[in-house]
Amino acid sequence: MNEVRLMETELNGLGWALKQIVDQTIQDPKVWESVRNIKGSLVVREAATSVAVTIWFENGDLGIQNDAIQKPSAYIEAGFEELADISSGQIHPVRAVIARRIRAKGNLLKLLRMSKVMISQ
């Protein structure tokens, strides 16, 4: 069974919510196959509170920690509602970027691949 490893003993609320979603999505063999060879980091920041987490992808090992690292491979920032809409599958991350509902930086191709773990099935 695949599971996101905690990089710290305590996570903030955003971290716990994302960990639960990622733990669920990577059980799908199609999702796991598409992300298991990624190497890099994804920072997710909730815009209103500036609460952030970093999700690490290390060739089949996923980890999560509080706060944003300085130079992530990819970065998204959005309000709580937008993050909920993305994670529930109501809006695709690319569509959210185009509609300016979220801010994205870094390697956008990697972001597209990494974001698959954030979308509940």
PDB file of N, CA and C in Angstrom:
ATOM      1  N   MET A   1       0.846  -1.180   0.000  1.00  0.00           N
ATOM      2  CA  MET A   1       0.000   0.000   0.000  1.00  0.00           C
ATOM      3  C   MET A   1       0.890   1.241   0.000  1.00  0.00           C
ATOM      4  N   ASN A   2       0.611   2.154  -0.904  1.00  0.00           N
ATOM      5  CA  ASN A   2       1.357   3.406  -0.995  1.00  0.00           C
ATOM      6  C   ASN A   2       0.812   4.399   0.022  1.00  0.00           C
ATOM      7  N   GLU A   3       1.721   5.146   0.631  1.00  0.00           N
ATOM      8  CA  GLU A   3       1.311   6.150   1.610  1.00  0.00           C
ATOM      9  C   GLU A   3       2.321   7.283   1.620  1.00  0.00           C
ATOM     10  N   VAL A   4       1.824   8.496   1.831  1.00  0.00           N
ATOM     11  CA  VAL A   4       2.686   9.664   1.925  1.00  0.00           C
ATOM     12  C   VAL A   4       3.369   9.649   3.290  1.00  0.00           C
ATOM     13  N   ARG A   5       4.679   9.777   3.275  1.00  0.00           N
ATOM     14  CA  ARG A   5       5.470   9.775   4.505  1.00  0.00           C
ATOM     15  C   ARG A   5       5.458  11.171   5.126  1.00  0.00           C
ATOM     16  N   LEU A   6       5.284  11.228   6.436  1.00  0.00           N
ATOM     17  CA  LEU A   6       5.357  12.500   7.161  1.00  0.00           C
ATOM     18  C   LEU A   6       6.817  12.881   7.326  1.00  0.00           C
ATOM     19  N   MET A   7       7.160  14.078   6.904  1.00  0.00           N
ATOM     20  CA  MET A   7       8.532  14.571   7.044  1.00  0.00           C
ATOM     21  C   MET A   7       8.727  15.236   8.402  1.00  0.00           C
ATOM     22  N   GLU A   8       7.617  15.492   9.101  1.00  0.00           N
ATOM     23  CA  GLU A   8       7.619  16.096  10.435  1.00  0.00           C
ATOM     24  C   GLU A   8       6.607  15.336  11.277  1.00  0.00           C
ATOM     25  N   THR A   9       6.678  15.492  12.584  1.00  0.00           N
ATOM     26  CA  THR A   9       5.731  14.778  13.441  1.00  0.00           C
ATOM     27  C   THR A   9       4.346  15.408  13.425  1.00  0.00           C
ATOM     28  N   GLU A  10       4.252  16.702  13.202  1.00  0.00           N
ATOM     29  CA  GLU A  10       2.966  17.402  13.189  1.00  0.00           C
ATOM     30  C   GLU A  10       2.791  18.115  11.851  1.00  0.00           C
ATOM     31  N   LEU A  11       1.573  18.071  11.334  1.00  0.00           N
ATOM     32  CA  LEU A  11       1.239  18.816  10.125  1.00  0.00           C
ATOM     33  C   LEU A  11       0.161  19.837  10.436  1.00  0.00           C
ATOM     34  N   ASN A  12       0.150  20.921   9.668  1.00  0.00           N
ATOM     35  CA  ASN A  12      -0.930  21.891   9.804  1.00  0.00           C
ATOM     36  C   ASN A  12      -2.194  21.302   9.157  1.00  0.00           C
ATOM     37  N   GLY A  13      -3.309  22.004   9.257  1.00  0.00           N
ATOM     38  CA  GLY A  13      -4.576  21.495   8.734  1.00  0.00           C
ATOM     39  C   GLY A  13      -4.547  21.234   7.236  1.00  0.00           C
ATOM     40  N   LEU A  14      -3.923  22.128   6.483  1.00  0.00           N
ATOM     41  CA  LEU A  14      -3.792  21.931   5.047  1.00  0.00           C
ATOM     42  C   LEU A  14      -2.992  20.672   4.749  1.00  0.00           C
ATOM     43  N   GLY A  15      -1.926  20.471   5.511  1.00  0.00           N
ATOM     44  CA  GLY A  15      -1.092  19.289   5.321  1.00  0.00           C
ATOM     45  C   GLY A  15      -1.852  17.995   5.556  1.00  0.00           C
ATOM     46  N   TRP A  16      -2.632  17.950   6.650  1.00  0.00           N
ATOM     47  CA  TRP A  16      -3.407  16.744   6.941  1.00  0.00           C
ATOM     48  C   TRP A  16      -4.454  16.489   5.873  1.00  0.00           C
ATOM     49  N   ALA A  17      -5.118  17.551   5.416  1.00  0.00           N
ATOM     50  CA  ALA A  17      -6.136  17.389   4.373  1.00  0.00           C
ATOM     51  C   ALA A  17      -5.511  16.863   3.087  1.00  0.00           C
ATOM     52  N   LEU A  18      -4.385  17.455   2.685  1.00  0.00           N
ATOM     53  CA  LEU A  18      -3.726  17.002   1.457  1.00  0.00           C
ATOM     54  C   LEU A  18      -3.172  15.587   1.609  1.00  0.00           C
ATOM     55  N   LYS A  19      -2.634  15.263   2.776  1.00  0.00           N
ATOM     56  CA  LYS A  19      -2.106  13.914   2.988  1.00  0.00           C
ATOM     57  C   LYS A  19      -3.205  12.875   2.798  1.00  0.00           C
ATOM     58  N   GLN A  20      -4.379  13.139   3.355  1.00  0.00           N
ATOM     59  CA  GLN A  20      -5.488  12.198   3.212  1.00  0.00           C
ATOM     60  C   GLN A  20      -5.897  12.032   1.749  1.00  0.00           C
ATOM     61  N   ILE A  21      -5.956  13.142   1.025  1.00  0.00           N
ATOM     62  CA  ILE A  21      -6.323  13.077  -0.392  1.00  0.00           C
ATOM     63  C   ILE A  21      -5.265  12.317  -1.177  1.00  0.00           C
ATOM     64  N   VAL A  22      -3.999  12.655  -0.953  1.00  0.00           N
ATOM     65  CA  VAL A  22      -2.911  12.002  -1.700  1.00  0.00           C
ATOM     66  C   VAL A  22      -2.851  10.519  -1.358  1.00  0.00           C
ATOM     67  N   ASP A  23      -2.971  10.181  -0.071  1.00  0.00           N
ATOM     68  CA  ASP A  23      -2.977   8.765   0.315  1.00  0.00           C
ATOM     69  C   ASP A  23      -4.058   7.997  -0.444  1.00  0.00           C
ATOM     70  N   GLN A  24      -5.214   8.627  -0.609  1.00  0.00           N
ATOM     71  CA  GLN A  24      -6.323   7.981  -1.315  1.00  0.00           C
ATOM     72  C   GLN A  24      -6.032   7.873  -2.812  1.00  0.00           C
ATOM     73  N   THR A  25      -5.598   8.958  -3.428  1.00  0.00           N
ATOM     74  CA  THR A  25      -5.443   8.958  -4.890  1.00  0.00           C
ATOM     75  C   THR A  25      -4.324   8.043  -5.370  1.00  0.00           C
ATOM     76  N   ILE A  26      -3.252   7.911  -4.583  1.00  0.00           N
ATOM     77  CA  ILE A  26      -2.146   7.073  -5.063  1.00  0.00           C
ATOM     78  C   ILE A  26      -2.443   5.583  -4.951  1.00  0.00           C
ATOM     79  N   GLN A  27      -3.601   5.232  -4.397  1.00  0.00           N
ATOM     80  CA  GLN A  27      -4.015   3.829  -4.398  1.00  0.00           C
ATOM     81  C   GLN A  27      -4.518   3.416  -5.783  1.00  0.00           C
ATOM     82  N   ASP A  28      -4.905   4.394  -6.591  1.00  0.00           N
ATOM     83  CA  ASP A  28      -5.338   4.118  -7.961  1.00  0.00           C
ATOM     84  C   ASP A  28      -4.089   3.805  -8.784  1.00  0.00           C
ATOM     85  N   PRO A  29      -4.002   2.612  -9.374  1.00  0.00           N
ATOM     86  CA  PRO A  29      -2.806   2.232 -10.135  1.00  0.00           C
ATOM     87  C   PRO A  29      -2.460   3.203 -11.265  1.00  0.00           C
ATOM     88  N   LYS A  30      -3.452   3.797 -11.911  1.00  0.00           N
ATOM     89  CA  LYS A  30      -3.178   4.755 -12.997  1.00  0.00           C
ATOM     90  C   LYS A  30      -2.512   6.018 -12.460  1.00  0.00           C
ATOM     91  N   VAL A  31      -3.019   6.514 -11.342  1.00  0.00           N
ATOM     92  CA  VAL A  31      -2.422   7.708 -10.740  1.00  0.00           C
ATOM     93  C   VAL A  31      -1.014   7.384 -10.268  1.00  0.00           C
ATOM     94  N   TRP A  32      -0.857   6.265  -9.561  1.00  0.00           N
ATOM     95  CA  TRP A  32       0.459   5.893  -9.041  1.00  0.00           C
ATOM     96  C   TRP A  32       1.466   5.754 -10.174  1.00  0.00           C
ATOM     97  N   GLU A  33       1.077   5.103 -11.264  1.00  0.00           N
ATOM     98  CA  GLU A  33       1.982   4.914 -12.393  1.00  0.00           C
ATOM     99  C   GLU A  33       2.410   6.248 -12.983  1.00  0.00           C
ATOM    100  N   SER A  34       1.509   7.237 -12.993  1.00  0.00           N
ATOM    101  CA  SER A  34       1.835   8.534 -13.587  1.00  0.00           C
ATOM    102  C   SER A  34       2.704   9.422 -12.694  1.00  0.00           C
ATOM    103  N   VAL A  35       2.773   9.132 -11.389  1.00  0.00           N
ATOM    104  CA  VAL A  35       3.555   9.997 -10.493  1.00  0.00           C
ATOM    105  C   VAL A  35       4.750   9.305  -9.840  1.00  0.00           C
ATOM    106  N   ARG A  36       4.839   7.991  -9.927  1.00  0.00           N
ATOM    107  CA  ARG A  36       5.858   7.292  -9.153  1.00  0.00           C
ATOM    108  C   ARG A  36       7.292   7.583  -9.596  1.00  0.00           C
ATOM    109  N   ASN A  37       7.493   8.059 -10.810  1.00  0.00           N
ATOM    110  CA  ASN A  37       8.847   8.348 -11.278  1.00  0.00           C
ATOM    111  C   ASN A  37       9.197   9.829 -11.238  1.00  0.00           C
ATOM    112  N   ILE A  38       8.346  10.635 -10.631  1.00  0.00           N
ATOM    113  CA  ILE A  38       8.609  12.072 -10.542  1.00  0.00           C
ATOM    114  C   ILE A  38       9.645  12.329  -9.449  1.00  0.00           C
ATOM    115  N   LYS A  39      10.535  13.266  -9.719  1.00  0.00           N
ATOM    116  CA  LYS A  39      11.488  13.719  -8.716  1.00  0.00           C
ATOM    117  C   LYS A  39      11.346  15.241  -8.640  1.00  0.00           C
ATOM    118  N   GLY A  40      11.002  15.738  -7.449  1.00  0.00           N
ATOM    119  CA  GLY A  40      10.847  17.168  -7.279  1.00  0.00           C
ATOM    120  C   GLY A  40       9.936  17.494  -6.108  1.00  0.00           C
ATOM    121  N   SER A  41       9.516  18.746  -6.043  1.00  0.00           N
ATOM    122  CA  SER A  41       8.700  19.204  -4.917  1.00  0.00           C
ATOM    123  C   SER A  41       7.585  20.112  -5.413  1.00  0.00           C
ATOM    124  N   LEU A  42       6.476  20.051  -4.711  1.00  0.00           N
ATOM    125  CA  LEU A  42       5.309  20.878  -5.012  1.00  0.00           C
ATOM    126  C   LEU A  42       4.911  21.618  -3.742  1.00  0.00           C
ATOM    127  N   VAL A  43       4.884  22.941  -3.820  1.00  0.00           N
ATOM    128  CA  VAL A  43       4.403  23.751  -2.705  1.00  0.00           C
ATOM    129  C   VAL A  43       2.957  24.122  -2.987  1.00  0.00           C
ATOM    130  N   VAL A  44       2.111  23.920  -1.992  1.00  0.00           N
ATOM    131  CA  VAL A  44       0.703  24.312  -2.065  1.00  0.00           C
ATOM    132  C   VAL A  44       0.480  25.318  -0.939  1.00  0.00           C
ATOM    133  N   ARG A  45       0.016  26.516  -1.312  1.00  0.00           N
ATOM    134  CA  ARG A  45      -0.213  27.580  -0.327  1.00  0.00           C
ATOM    135  C   ARG A  45      -1.673  28.035  -0.409  1.00  0.00           C
ATOM    136  N   GLU A  46      -2.303  28.135   0.751  1.00  0.00           N
ATOM    137  CA  GLU A  46      -3.659  28.681   0.821  1.00  0.00           C
ATOM    138  C   GLU A  46      -3.512  30.194   0.914  1.00  0.00           C
ATOM    139  N   ALA A  47      -4.096  30.915  -0.038  1.00  0.00           N
ATOM    140  CA  ALA A  47      -3.836  32.338  -0.206  1.00  0.00           C
ATOM    141  C   ALA A  47      -4.248  33.213   0.975  1.00  0.00           C
ATOM    142  N   ALA A  48      -5.406  32.981   1.547  1.00  0.00           N
ATOM    143  CA  ALA A  48      -5.919  33.875   2.598  1.00  0.00           C
ATOM    144  C   ALA A  48      -5.103  33.804   3.879  1.00  0.00           C
ATOM    145  N   THR A  49      -4.632  32.619   4.227  1.00  0.00           N
ATOM    146  CA  THR A  49      -3.919  32.447   5.490  1.00  0.00           C
ATOM    147  C   THR A  49      -2.410  32.307   5.319  1.00  0.00           C
ATOM    148  N   SER A  50      -1.958  32.116   4.094  1.00  0.00           N
ATOM    149  CA  SER A  50      -0.548  31.849   3.769  1.00  0.00           C
ATOM    150  C   SER A  50      -0.033  30.548   4.378  1.00  0.00           C
ATOM    151  N   VAL A  51      -0.941  29.661   4.788  1.00  0.00           N
ATOM    152  CA  VAL A  51      -0.537  28.340   5.266  1.00  0.00           C
ATOM    153  C   VAL A  51      -0.064  27.548   4.058  1.00  0.00           C
ATOM    154  N   ALA A  52       1.081  26.895   4.198  1.00  0.00           N
ATOM    155  CA  ALA A  52       1.654  26.168   3.067  1.00  0.00           C
ATOM    156  C   ALA A  52       2.177  24.811   3.505  1.00  0.00           C
ATOM    157  N   VAL A  53       2.243  23.916   2.535  1.00  0.00           N
ATOM    158  CA  VAL A  53       2.877  22.619   2.711  1.00  0.00           C
ATOM    159  C   VAL A  53       3.713  22.327   1.469  1.00  0.00           C
ATOM    160  N   THR A  54       4.680  21.467   1.647  1.00  0.00           N
ATOM    161  CA  THR A  54       5.493  20.993   0.526  1.00  0.00           C
ATOM    162  C   THR A  54       5.301  19.493   0.415  1.00  0.00           C
ATOM    163  N   ILE A  55       4.991  19.050  -0.799  1.00  0.00           N
ATOM    164  CA  ILE A  55       4.891  17.623  -1.085  1.00  0.00           C
ATOM    165  C   ILE A  55       6.130  17.236  -1.893  1.00  0.00           C
ATOM    166  N   TRP A  56       6.844  16.226  -1.404  1.00  0.00           N
ATOM    167  CA  TRP A  56       8.068  15.751  -2.048  1.00  0.00           C
ATOM    168  C   TRP A  56       7.780  14.505  -2.873  1.00  0.00           C
ATOM    169  N   PHE A  57       8.321  14.477  -4.060  1.00  0.00           N
ATOM    170  CA  PHE A  57       8.234  13.316  -4.945  1.00  0.00           C
ATOM    171  C   PHE A  57       9.673  12.840  -5.170  1.00  0.00           C
ATOM    172  N   GLU A  58       9.976  11.635  -4.728  1.00  0.00           N
ATOM    173  CA  GLU A  58      11.337  11.105  -4.853  1.00  0.00           C
ATOM    174  C   GLU A  58      11.312   9.708  -5.457  1.00  0.00           C
ATOM    175  N   ASN A  59      10.971   9.616  -6.740  1.00  0.00           N
ATOM    176  CA  ASN A  59      10.992   8.330  -7.445  1.00  0.00           C
ATOM    177  C   ASN A  59      10.286   7.220  -6.677  1.00  0.00           C
ATOM    178  N   GLY A  60       9.003   7.401  -6.419  1.00  0.00           N
ATOM    179  CA  GLY A  60       8.215   6.373  -5.749  1.00  0.00           C
ATOM    180  C   GLY A  60       8.049   6.574  -4.260  1.00  0.00           C
ATOM    181  N   ASP A  61       8.695   7.565  -3.705  1.00  0.00           N
ATOM    182  CA  ASP A  61       8.553   7.889  -2.286  1.00  0.00           C
ATOM    183  C   ASP A  61       7.978   9.293  -2.203  1.00  0.00           C
ATOM    184  N   LEU A  62       6.813   9.430  -1.597  1.00  0.00           N
ATOM    185  CA  LEU A  62       6.192  10.738  -1.437  1.00  0.00           C
ATOM    186  C   LEU A  62       6.234  11.137   0.029  1.00  0.00           C
ATOM    187  N   GLY A  63       6.542  12.403   0.279  1.00  0.00           N
ATOM    188  CA  GLY A  63       6.586  12.922   1.637  1.00  0.00           C
ATOM    189  C   GLY A  63       5.885  14.267   1.695  1.00  0.00           C
ATOM    190  N   ILE A  64       5.508  14.676   2.898  1.00  0.00           N
ATOM    191  CA  ILE A  64       4.832  15.959   3.069  1.00  0.00           C
ATOM    192  C   ILE A  64       5.345  16.631   4.333  1.00  0.00           C
ATOM    193  N   GLN A  65       5.496  17.941   4.267  1.00  0.00           N
ATOM    194  CA  GLN A  65       5.959  18.711   5.421  1.00  0.00           C
ATOM    195  C   GLN A  65       5.263  20.061   5.446  1.00  0.00           C
ATOM    196  N   ASN A  66       5.260  20.692   6.605  1.00  0.00           N
ATOM    197  CA  ASN A  66       4.720  22.042   6.754  1.00  0.00           C
ATOM    198  C   ASN A  66       5.599  23.043   6.022  1.00  0.00           C
ATOM    199  N   ASP A  67       5.009  24.141   5.638  1.00  0.00           N
ATOM    200  CA  ASP A  67       5.687  25.306   5.092  1.00  0.00           C
ATOM    201  C   ASP A  67       6.192  25.087   3.665  1.00  0.00           C
ATOM    202  N   ALA A  68       6.536  26.205   3.054  1.00  0.00           N
ATOM    203  CA  ALA A  68       7.039  26.200   1.683  1.00  0.00           C
ATOM    204  C   ALA A  68       8.553  26.195   1.696  1.00  0.00           C
ATOM    205  N   ILE A  69       9.130  25.391   0.830  1.00  0.00           N
ATOM    206  CA  ILE A  69      10.583  25.438   0.678  1.00  0.00           C
ATOM    207  C   ILE A  69      10.929  26.590  -0.260  1.00  0.00           C
ATOM    208  N   GLN A  70      12.187  26.983  -0.300  1.00  0.00           N
ATOM    209  CA  GLN A  70      12.606  28.147  -1.077  1.00  0.00           C
ATOM    210  C   GLN A  70      12.479  27.970  -2.590  1.00  0.00           C
ATOM    211  N   LYS A  71      12.903  26.829  -3.121  1.00  0.00           N
ATOM    212  CA  LYS A  71      12.902  26.651  -4.575  1.00  0.00           C
ATOM    213  C   LYS A  71      12.227  25.341  -4.965  1.00  0.00           C
ATOM    214  N   PRO A  72      10.899  25.312  -4.917  1.00  0.00           N
ATOM    215  CA  PRO A  72      10.198  24.085  -5.304  1.00  0.00           C
ATOM    216  C   PRO A  72      10.223  23.902  -6.825  1.00  0.00           C
ATOM    217  N   SER A  73       9.996  22.695  -7.255  1.00  0.00           N
ATOM    218  CA  SER A  73       9.876  22.431  -8.697  1.00  0.00           C
ATOM    219  C   SER A  73       8.634  23.114  -9.250  1.00  0.00           C
ATOM    220  N   ALA A  74       7.559  23.111  -8.459  1.00  0.00           N
ATOM    221  CA  ALA A  74       6.299  23.725  -8.876  1.00  0.00           C
ATOM    222  C   ALA A  74       5.612  24.325  -7.647  1.00  0.00           C
ATOM    223  N   TYR A  75       4.737  25.283  -7.902  1.00  0.00           N
ATOM    224  CA  TYR A  75       4.100  26.033  -6.816  1.00  0.00           C
ATOM    225  C   TYR A  75       2.684  26.396  -7.238  1.00  0.00           C
ATOM    226  N   ILE A  76       1.726  26.176  -6.340  1.00  0.00           N
ATOM    227  CA  ILE A  76       0.382  26.696  -6.582  1.00  0.00           C
ATOM    228  C   ILE A  76      -0.088  27.430  -5.329  1.00  0.00           C
ATOM    229  N   GLU A  77      -0.824  28.495  -5.578  1.00  0.00           N
ATOM    230  CA  GLU A  77      -1.422  29.269  -4.496  1.00  0.00           C
ATOM    231  C   GLU A  77      -2.871  29.530  -4.872  1.00  0.00           C
ATOM    232  N   ALA A  78      -3.762  29.261  -3.939  1.00  0.00           N
ATOM    233  CA  ALA A  78      -5.186  29.445  -4.203  1.00  0.00           C
ATOM    234  C   ALA A  78      -5.927  29.615  -2.888  1.00  0.00           C
ATOM    235  N   GLY A  79      -7.138  30.119  -2.991  1.00  0.00           N
ATOM    236  CA  GLY A  79      -7.999  30.208  -1.829  1.00  0.00           C
ATOM    237  C   GLY A  79      -8.506  28.823  -1.450  1.00  0.00           C
ATOM    238  N   PHE A  80      -9.075  28.740  -0.265  1.00  0.00           N
ATOM    239  CA  PHE A  80      -9.571  27.454   0.228  1.00  0.00           C
ATOM    240  C   PHE A  80     -10.589  26.844  -0.736  1.00  0.00           C
ATOM    241  N   GLU A  81     -11.530  27.665  -1.219  1.00  0.00           N
ATOM    242  CA  GLU A  81     -12.567  27.151  -2.116  1.00  0.00           C
ATOM    243  C   GLU A  81     -11.972  26.603  -3.408  1.00  0.00           C
ATOM    244  N   GLU A  82     -10.994  27.280  -3.959  1.00  0.00           N
ATOM    245  CA  GLU A  82     -10.366  26.820  -5.192  1.00  0.00           C
ATOM    246  C   GLU A  82      -9.611  25.516  -4.963  1.00  0.00           C
ATOM    247  N   LEU A  83      -8.895  25.420  -3.832  1.00  0.00           N
ATOM    248  CA  LEU A  83      -8.195  24.169  -3.519  1.00  0.00           C
ATOM    249  C   LEU A  83      -9.189  23.023  -3.350  1.00  0.00           C
ATOM    250  N   ALA A  84     -10.332  23.322  -2.709  1.00  0.00           N
ATOM    251  CA  ALA A  84     -11.366  22.297  -2.540  1.00  0.00           C
ATOM    252  C   ALA A  84     -11.949  21.893  -3.887  1.00  0.00           C
ATOM    253  N   ASP A  85     -12.177  22.856  -4.776  1.00  0.00           N
ATOM    254  CA  ASP A  85     -12.712  22.549  -6.104  1.00  0.00           C
ATOM    255  C   ASP A  85     -11.739  21.686  -6.911  1.00  0.00           C
ATOM    256  N   ILE A  86     -10.447  21.963  -6.791  1.00  0.00           N
ATOM    257  CA  ILE A  86      -9.445  21.163  -7.495  1.00  0.00           C
ATOM    258  C   ILE A  86      -9.395  19.758  -6.913  1.00  0.00           C
ATOM    259  N   SER A  87      -9.307  19.664  -5.595  1.00  0.00           N
ATOM    260  CA  SER A  87      -9.161  18.345  -4.978  1.00  0.00           C
ATOM    261  C   SER A  87     -10.406  17.481  -5.141  1.00  0.00           C
ATOM    262  N   SER A  88     -11.582  18.108  -5.318  1.00  0.00           N
ATOM    263  CA  SER A  88     -12.805  17.322  -5.529  1.00  0.00           C
ATOM    264  C   SER A  88     -13.029  17.004  -7.003  1.00  0.00           C
ATOM    265  N   GLY A  89     -12.175  17.534  -7.866  1.00  0.00           N
ATOM    266  CA  GLY A  89     -12.306  17.273  -9.294  1.00  0.00           C
ATOM    267  C   GLY A  89     -13.306  18.175  -9.993  1.00  0.00           C
ATOM    268  N   GLN A  90     -13.812  19.201  -9.300  1.00  0.00           N
ATOM    269  CA  GLN A  90     -14.787  20.109  -9.913  1.00  0.00           C
ATOM    270  C   GLN A  90     -14.153  21.016 -10.960  1.00  0.00           C
ATOM    271  N   ILE A  91     -12.853  21.304 -10.802  1.00  0.00           N
ATOM    272  CA  ILE A  91     -12.138  22.090 -11.803  1.00  0.00           C
ATOM    273  C   ILE A  91     -10.741  21.505 -11.953  1.00  0.00           C
ATOM    274  N   HIS A  92     -10.301  21.380 -13.177  1.00  0.00           N
ATOM    275  CA  HIS A  92      -8.965  20.853 -13.453  1.00  0.00           C
ATOM    276  C   HIS A  92      -7.945  21.951 -13.148  1.00  0.00           C
ATOM    277  N   PRO A  93      -6.784  21.602 -12.610  1.00  0.00           N
ATOM    278  CA  PRO A  93      -5.775  22.620 -12.282  1.00  0.00           C
ATOM    279  C   PRO A  93      -5.402  23.523 -13.453  1.00  0.00           C
ATOM    280  N   VAL A  94      -5.309  22.978 -14.661  1.00  0.00           N
ATOM    281  CA  VAL A  94      -4.975  23.801 -15.828  1.00  0.00           C
ATOM    282  C   VAL A  94      -6.074  24.826 -16.090  1.00  0.00           C
ATOM    283  N   ARG A  95      -7.301  24.375 -16.007  1.00  0.00           N
ATOM    284  CA  ARG A  95      -8.430  25.283 -16.205  1.00  0.00           C
ATOM    285  C   ARG A  95      -8.439  26.364 -15.118  1.00  0.00           C
ATOM    286  N   ALA A  96      -8.093  25.988 -13.891  1.00  0.00           N
ATOM    287  CA  ALA A  96      -8.049  26.949 -12.784  1.00  0.00           C
ATOM    288  C   ALA A  96      -6.968  27.998 -13.017  1.00  0.00           C
ATOM    289  N   VAL A  97      -5.837  27.598 -13.580  1.00  0.00           N
ATOM    290  CA  VAL A  97      -4.764  28.554 -13.893  1.00  0.00           C
ATOM    291  C   VAL A  97      -5.229  29.505 -14.990  1.00  0.00           C
ATOM    292  N   ILE A  98      -5.811  28.952 -16.048  1.00  0.00           N
ATOM    293  CA  ILE A  98      -6.283  29.777 -17.165  1.00  0.00           C
ATOM    294  C   ILE A  98      -7.345  30.764 -16.703  1.00  0.00           C
ATOM    295  N   ALA A  99      -8.235  30.316 -15.822  1.00  0.00           N
ATOM    296  CA  ALA A  99      -9.298  31.185 -15.307  1.00  0.00           C
ATOM    297  C   ALA A  99      -8.800  32.112 -14.202  1.00  0.00           C
ATOM    298  N   ARG A 100      -7.529  32.020 -13.889  1.00  0.00           N
ATOM    299  CA  ARG A 100      -6.889  32.830 -12.842  1.00  0.00           C
ATOM    300  C   ARG A 100      -7.510  32.617 -11.467  1.00  0.00           C
ATOM    301  N   ARG A 101      -7.978  31.399 -11.234  1.00  0.00           N
ATOM    302  CA  ARG A 101      -8.495  31.045  -9.909  1.00  0.00           C
ATOM    303  C   ARG A 101      -7.366  30.610  -8.997  1.00  0.00           C
ATOM    304  N   ILE A 102      -6.233  30.187  -9.586  1.00  0.00           N
ATOM    305  CA  ILE A 102      -5.044  29.846  -8.815  1.00  0.00           C
ATOM    306  C   ILE A 102      -3.825  30.468  -9.474  1.00  0.00           C
ATOM    307  N   ARG A 103      -2.794  30.657  -8.679  1.00  0.00           N
ATOM    308  CA  ARG A 103      -1.504  31.136  -9.161  1.00  0.00           C
ATOM    309  C   ARG A 103      -0.576  29.946  -9.255  1.00  0.00           C
ATOM    310  N   ALA A 104       0.146  29.833 -10.342  1.00  0.00           N
ATOM    311  CA  ALA A 104       1.082  28.734 -10.511  1.00  0.00           C
ATOM    312  C   ALA A 104       2.426  29.279 -10.964  1.00  0.00           C
ATOM    313  N   LYS A 105       3.501  28.652 -10.462  1.00  0.00           N
ATOM    314  CA  LYS A 105       4.856  29.030 -10.850  1.00  0.00           C
ATOM    315  C   LYS A 105       5.696  27.771 -10.951  1.00  0.00           C
ATOM    316  N   GLY A 106       6.864  27.938 -11.517  1.00  0.00           N
ATOM    317  CA  GLY A 106       7.792  26.816 -11.612  1.00  0.00           C
ATOM    318  C   GLY A 106       7.579  26.024 -12.887  1.00  0.00           C
ATOM    319  N   ASN A 107       7.934  24.766 -12.834  1.00  0.00           N
ATOM    320  CA  ASN A 107       7.830  23.864 -13.969  1.00  0.00           C
ATOM    321  C   ASN A 107       6.367  23.441 -14.120  1.00  0.00           C
ATOM    322  N   LEU A 108       5.669  24.055 -15.069  1.00  0.00           N
ATOM    323  CA  LEU A 108       4.234  23.815 -15.204  1.00  0.00           C
ATOM    324  C   LEU A 108       3.919  22.405 -15.705  1.00  0.00           C
ATOM    325  N   LEU A 109       4.801  21.818 -16.502  1.00  0.00           N
ATOM    326  CA  LEU A 109       4.584  20.429 -16.915  1.00  0.00           C
ATOM    327  C   LEU A 109       4.686  19.489 -15.718  1.00  0.00           C
ATOM    328  N   LYS A 110       5.653  19.757 -14.861  1.00  0.00           N
ATOM    329  CA  LYS A 110       5.788  18.948 -13.652  1.00  0.00           C
ATOM    330  C   LYS A 110       4.594  19.181 -12.731  1.00  0.00           C
ATOM    331  N   LEU A 111       4.137  20.428 -12.643  1.00  0.00           N
ATOM    332  CA  LEU A 111       2.958  20.748 -11.837  1.00  0.00           C
ATOM    333  C   LEU A 111       1.757  19.954 -12.327  1.00  0.00           C
ATOM    334  N   LEU A 112       1.575  19.889 -13.625  1.00  0.00           N
ATOM    335  CA  LEU A 112       0.458  19.138 -14.186  1.00  0.00           C
ATOM    336  C   LEU A 112       0.532  17.674 -13.775  1.00  0.00           C
ATOM    337  N   ARG A 113       1.710  17.090 -13.835  1.00  0.00           N
ATOM    338  CA  ARG A 113       1.877  15.690 -13.423  1.00  0.00           C
ATOM    339  C   ARG A 113       1.683  15.527 -11.922  1.00  0.00           C
ATOM    340  N   MET A 114       2.269  16.427 -11.139  1.00  0.00           N
ATOM    341  CA  MET A 114       2.185  16.331  -9.680  1.00  0.00           C
ATOM    342  C   MET A 114       0.757  16.545  -9.173  1.00  0.00           C
ATOM    343  N   SER A 115       0.014  17.420  -9.842  1.00  0.00           N
ATOM    344  CA  SER A 115      -1.324  17.759  -9.355  1.00  0.00           C
ATOM    345  C   SER A 115      -2.281  16.574  -9.410  1.00  0.00           C
ATOM    346  N   LYS A 116      -1.949  15.527 -10.136  1.00  0.00           N
ATOM    347  CA  LYS A 116      -2.817  14.344 -10.206  1.00  0.00           C
ATOM    348  C   LYS A 116      -3.056  13.727  -8.839  1.00  0.00           C
ATOM    349  N   VAL A 117      -2.085  13.872  -7.934  1.00  0.00           N
ATOM    350  CA  VAL A 117      -2.253  13.283  -6.597  1.00  0.00           C
ATOM    351  C   VAL A 117      -3.209  14.080  -5.722  1.00  0.00           C
ATOM    352  N   MET A 118      -3.547  15.307  -6.146  1.00  0.00           N
ATOM    353  CA  MET A 118      -4.415  16.174  -5.355  1.00  0.00           C
ATOM    354  C   MET A 118      -5.878  16.063  -5.741  1.00  0.00           C
ATOM    355  N   ILE A 119      -6.203  15.274  -6.765  1.00  0.00           N
ATOM    356  CA  ILE A 119      -7.569  15.218  -7.268  1.00  0.00           C
ATOM    357  C   ILE A 119      -8.221  13.921  -6.842  1.00  0.00           C
ATOM    358  N   SER A 120      -9.202  14.010  -5.956  1.00  0.00           N
ATOM    359  CA  SER A 120      -9.905  12.820  -5.458  1.00  0.00           C
ATOM    360  C   SER A 120     -10.634  12.128  -6.590  1.00  0.00           C
ATOM    361  N   GLN A 121     -10.691  10.817  -6.477  1.00  0.00           N
ATOM    362  CA  GLN A 121     -11.369  10.010  -7.508  1.00  0.00           C
ATOM    363  C   GLN A 121     -12.834   9.901  -7.196  1.00  0.00           C
TER     364      GLN A 121
END
